[in-house]
C-alpha atoms as a PDB file:
ATOM      1  CA  LYS A   1      -9.876 -33.831 -13.777  1.00  0.00           C
ATOM      2  CA  LYS A   2      -9.444 -30.191 -12.180  1.00  0.00           C
ATOM      3  CA  ARG A   3     -11.795 -31.053  -9.511  1.00  0.00           C
ATOM      4  CA  GLN A   4      -9.904 -34.138  -8.404  1.00  0.00           C
ATOM      5  CA  MET A   5      -6.603 -32.223  -8.688  1.00  0.00           C
ATOM      6  CA  LYS A   6      -8.102 -29.383  -6.287  1.00  0.00           C
ATOM      7  CA  LYS A   7      -9.310 -32.275  -3.923  1.00  0.00           C
ATOM      8  CA  SER A   8      -5.881 -33.745  -3.918  1.00  0.00           C
ATOM      9  CA  ALA A   9      -4.213 -30.396  -3.380  1.00  0.00           C
ATOM     10  CA  HIS A  10      -6.408 -29.527  -0.504  1.00  0.00           C
ATOM     11  CA  LYS A  11      -5.914 -32.816   1.141  1.00  0.00           C
ATOM     12  CA  ALA A  12      -2.133 -32.535   0.941  1.00  0.00           C
ATOM     13  CA  MET A  13      -2.249 -28.859   2.188  1.00  0.00           C
ATOM     14  CA  GLN A  14      -4.002 -29.813   5.254  1.00  0.00           C
ATOM     15  CA  LEU A  15      -1.696 -32.485   5.938  1.00  0.00           C
ATOM     16  CA  ILE A  16       1.347 -30.025   5.528  1.00  0.00           C
ATOM     17  CA  ARG A  17      -0.346 -27.303   7.559  1.00  0.00           C
ATOM     18  CA  GLY A  18      -0.642 -29.710  10.407  1.00  0.00           C
ATOM     19  CA  TRP A  19       3.027 -30.599  10.215  1.00  0.00           C
ATOM     20  CA  ALA A  20       4.075 -26.796  10.039  1.00  0.00           C
ATOM     21  CA  LYS A  21       1.709 -25.979  12.864  1.00  0.00           C
ATOM     22  CA  ASN A  22       3.341 -28.618  14.946  1.00  0.00           C
ATOM     23  CA  GLY A  23       6.696 -26.865  14.317  1.00  0.00           C
ATOM     24  CA  ASN A  24       8.022 -28.586  11.210  1.00  0.00           C
ATOM     25  CA  VAL A  25       9.601 -25.659   9.420  1.00  0.00           C
ATOM     26  CA  ASN A  26      11.011 -27.890   6.842  1.00  0.00           C
ATOM     27  CA  VAL A  27       7.732 -28.321   4.995  1.00  0.00           C
ATOM     28  CA  VAL A  28       6.630 -24.840   4.657  1.00  0.00           C
ATOM     29  CA  HIS A  29       7.936 -24.283   1.101  1.00  0.00           C
ATOM     30  CA  TYR A  30       6.007 -27.467   0.018  1.00  0.00           C
ATOM     31  CA  LEU A  31       2.833 -25.612   1.348  1.00  0.00           C
ATOM     32  CA  ARG A  32       3.583 -22.454  -0.604  1.00  0.00           C
ATOM     33  CA  ILE A  33       4.418 -24.468  -3.845  1.00  0.00           C
ATOM     34  CA  LEU A  34       1.008 -26.147  -3.368  1.00  0.00           C
ATOM     35  CA  GLU A  35      -0.757 -23.035  -2.768  1.00  0.00           C
ATOM     36  CA  ALA A  36       0.706 -21.583  -5.885  1.00  0.00           C
ATOM     37  CA  GLU A  37      -0.480 -24.329  -7.930  1.00  0.00           C
ATOM     38  CA  LEU A  38      -3.771 -24.332  -6.388  1.00  0.00           C
ATOM     39  CA  ASP A  39      -4.005 -20.673  -6.976  1.00  0.00           C
ATOM     40  CA  LEU A  40      -3.450 -20.986 -10.664  1.00  0.00           C
ATOM     41  CA  LEU A  41      -5.958 -23.777 -10.853  1.00  0.00           C
ATOM     42  CA  GLN A  42      -8.546 -21.286  -9.319  1.00  0.00           C
ATOM     43  CA  GLY A  43      -7.431 -18.310 -11.403  1.00  0.00           C
ATOM     44  CA  ASN A  44      -5.846 -16.245  -8.808  1.00  0.00           C
ATOM     45  CA  VAL A  45      -2.709 -15.228 -10.645  1.00  0.00           C
ATOM     46  CA  LYS A  46      -1.485 -12.484  -8.280  1.00  0.00           C
ATOM     47  CA  LYS A  47      -1.842 -14.849  -5.283  1.00  0.00           C
ATOM     48  CA  ALA A  48       0.117 -17.597  -7.215  1.00  0.00           C
ATOM     49  CA  GLU A  49       2.843 -15.323  -7.859  1.00  0.00           C
ATOM     50  CA  GLU A  50       3.176 -14.456  -4.038  1.00  0.00           C
ATOM     51  CA  SER A  51       3.050 -18.126  -3.158  1.00  0.00           C
ATOM     52  CA  PHE A  52       5.890 -18.793  -5.731  1.00  0.00           C
ATOM     53  CA  LYS A  53       7.995 -16.043  -4.205  1.00  0.00           C
ATOM     54  CA  ALA A  54       7.328 -17.400  -0.667  1.00  0.00           C
ATOM     55  CA  ALA A  55       8.170 -20.909  -1.623  1.00  0.00           C
ATOM     56  CA  ILE A  56      11.548 -19.645  -3.218  1.00  0.00           C
ATOM     57  CA  THR A  57      12.187 -17.534  -0.152  1.00  0.00           C
ATOM     58  CA  SER A  58      11.473 -20.222   2.383  1.00  0.00           C
ATOM     59  CA  SER A  59      13.307 -23.183   0.612  1.00  0.00           C
ATOM     60  CA  ARG A  60      16.288 -21.002   0.174  1.00  0.00           C
ATOM     61  CA  ARG A  61      16.398 -19.729   3.730  1.00  0.00           C
ATOM     62  CA  ASN A  62      16.027 -23.292   4.954  1.00  0.00           C
ATOM     63  CA  GLY A  63      18.831 -24.684   2.637  1.00  0.00           C
ATOM     64  CA  PHE A  64      16.567 -26.887   0.494  1.00  0.00           C
ATOM     65  CA  ARG A  65      18.598 -26.157  -2.711  1.00  0.00           C
ATOM     66  CA  ASN A  66      16.672 -28.817  -4.597  1.00  0.00           C
ATOM     67  CA  ASP A  67      13.433 -27.303  -3.690  1.00  0.00           C
ATOM     68  CA  THR A  68      14.598 -23.890  -4.272  1.00  0.00           C
ATOM     69  CA  ALA A  69      15.383 -25.139  -7.855  1.00  0.00           C
ATOM     70  CA  LEU A  70      11.980 -26.558  -8.328  1.00  0.00           C
ATOM     71  CA  ALA A  71      10.348 -23.506  -7.132  1.00  0.00           C
ATOM     72  CA  HIS A  72      12.148 -21.260  -9.583  1.00  0.00           C
ATOM     73  CA  GLU A  73      11.435 -23.843 -12.201  1.00  0.00           C
ATOM     74  CA  LEU A  74       7.690 -23.590 -11.592  1.00  0.00           C
ATOM     75  CA  SER A  75       7.997 -19.806 -11.486  1.00  0.00           C
ATOM     76  CA  SER A  76       9.713 -19.837 -14.836  1.00  0.00           C
ATOM     77  CA  SER A  77       6.884 -21.968 -16.344  1.00  0.00           C
ATOM     78  CA  PHE A  78       4.489 -19.478 -14.637  1.00  0.00           C
ATOM     79  CA  TYR A  79       5.880 -16.458 -16.137  1.00  0.00           C
ATOM     80  CA  LYS A  80       6.203 -18.142 -19.546  1.00  0.00           C
ATOM     81  CA  ALA A  81       2.308 -18.686 -19.625  1.00  0.00           C
ATOM     82  CA  LYS A  82       2.029 -15.264 -18.832  1.00  0.00           C
ATOM     83  CA  GLY A  83       4.307 -14.087 -21.675  1.00  0.00           C
ATOM     84  CA  ASP A  84       6.710 -12.230 -19.365  1.00  0.00           C
ATOM     85  CA  ASP A  85      10.199 -13.382 -21.004  1.00  0.00           C
ATOM     86  CA  TYR A  86      12.300 -11.507 -18.384  1.00  0.00           C
ATOM     87  CA  TRP A  87      10.916 -13.224 -15.421  1.00  0.00           C
ATOM     88  CA  THR A  88      10.811 -16.559 -17.369  1.00  0.00           C
ATOM     89  CA  LYS A  89      14.466 -16.427 -18.106  1.00  0.00           C
ATOM     90  CA  TYR A  90      15.250 -14.980 -14.674  1.00  0.00           C
ATOM     91  CA  HIS A  91      13.692 -17.845 -12.980  1.00  0.00           C
ATOM     92  CA  LEU A  92      15.044 -20.506 -15.341  1.00  0.00           C
ATOM     93  CA  GLU A  93      18.669 -19.239 -14.756  1.00  0.00           C
ATOM     94  CA  CYS A  94      18.070 -19.389 -11.034  1.00  0.00           C
ATOM     95  CA  SER A  95      16.639 -22.827 -11.207  1.00  0.00           C
ATOM     96  CA  LYS A  96      19.663 -23.942 -13.401  1.00  0.00           C
ATOM     97  CA  SER A  97      21.911 -22.537 -10.899  1.00  0.00           C
ATOM     98  CA  CYS A  98      20.320 -24.165  -7.970  1.00  0.00           C
ATOM     99  CA  TYR A  99      20.365 -27.613  -9.987  1.00  0.00           C
ATOM    100  CA  GLN A 100      23.851 -27.339 -10.864  1.00  0.00           C
ATOM    101  CA  GLU A 101      24.945 -26.493  -7.153  1.00  0.00           C
ATOM    102  CA  TRP A 102      22.928 -29.545  -6.226  1.00  0.00           C
ATOM    103  CA  GLU A 103      24.974 -31.427  -8.770  1.00  0.00           C
ATOM    104  CA  CYS A 104      22.125 -32.363 -10.779  1.00  0.00           C
ATOM    105  CA  SER A 105      23.560 -31.466 -14.303  1.00  0.00           C
ATOM    106  CA  GLU A 106      21.392 -33.868 -16.227  1.00  0.00           C
ATOM    107  CA  LYS A 107      18.297 -31.606 -15.028  1.00  0.00           C
ATOM    108  CA  VAL A 108      20.133 -28.688 -16.091  1.00  0.00           C
ATOM    109  CA  LYS A 109      20.441 -30.017 -19.755  1.00  0.00           C
ATOM    110  CA  LEU A 110      16.894 -30.914 -19.707  1.00  0.00           C
ATOM    111  CA  LEU A 111      15.876 -27.461 -18.972  1.00  0.00           C
ATOM    112  CA  ASP A 112      18.138 -26.075 -21.446  1.00  0.00           C
ATOM    113  CA  GLU A 113      16.700 -28.386 -24.211  1.00  0.00           C
ATOM    114  CA  SER A 114      13.200 -27.824 -23.112  1.00  0.00           C
ATOM    115  CA  PHE A 115      13.609 -24.037 -23.152  1.00  0.00           C
ATOM    116  CA  ASN A 116      15.205 -24.036 -26.451  1.00  0.00           C
ATOM    117  CA  GLU A 117      12.419 -26.430 -27.889  1.00  0.00           C
ATOM    118  CA  ARG A 118       9.626 -23.946 -26.567  1.00  0.00           C
ATOM    119  CA  ASN A 119      11.566 -21.019 -28.080  1.00  0.00           C
ATOM    120  CA  GLU A 120      11.753 -22.662 -31.603  1.00  0.00           C
ATOM    121  CA  GLU A 121       7.940 -23.446 -31.386  1.00  0.00           C
ATOM    122  CA  CYS A 122       7.373 -19.718 -30.989  1.00  0.00           C
ATOM    123  CA  GLY A 123       9.628 -18.792 -33.703  1.00  0.00           C
ATOM    124  CA  PHE A 124      12.766 -17.642 -31.573  1.00  0.00           C
ATOM    125  CA  SER A 125      16.178 -18.471 -32.365  1.00  0.00           C
ATOM    126  CA  LYS A 126      18.473 -20.505 -30.014  1.00  0.00           C
ATOM    127  CA  ARG A 127      20.762 -18.269 -27.755  1.00  0.00           C
END
């Protein structure tokens, strides 16, 4: 399954790179998100972290609030897996803020519920 995911990621990245090379700056953040996820599959944690940061910066700079929210959400999951509570919460709050600005309050509720459930599973109380 990992092999198939990597193959699909490479194919999508090749397509998006072509669009970006032809001047479509509106897709660069998608490329960075895919790079980050692929880096994680390959065990390149530091490179994944850099790609997530680049995705956040690119999507924010180009005004893609929904994609900025997604990049923060994925970053939050990344830091959660690393056990880094500070950056997990930071990116979760940024994600929620972006989704709220995008008027997607149901997604914010889902993130809150998911975060609270994960904390309860780990023995943390709701805050």
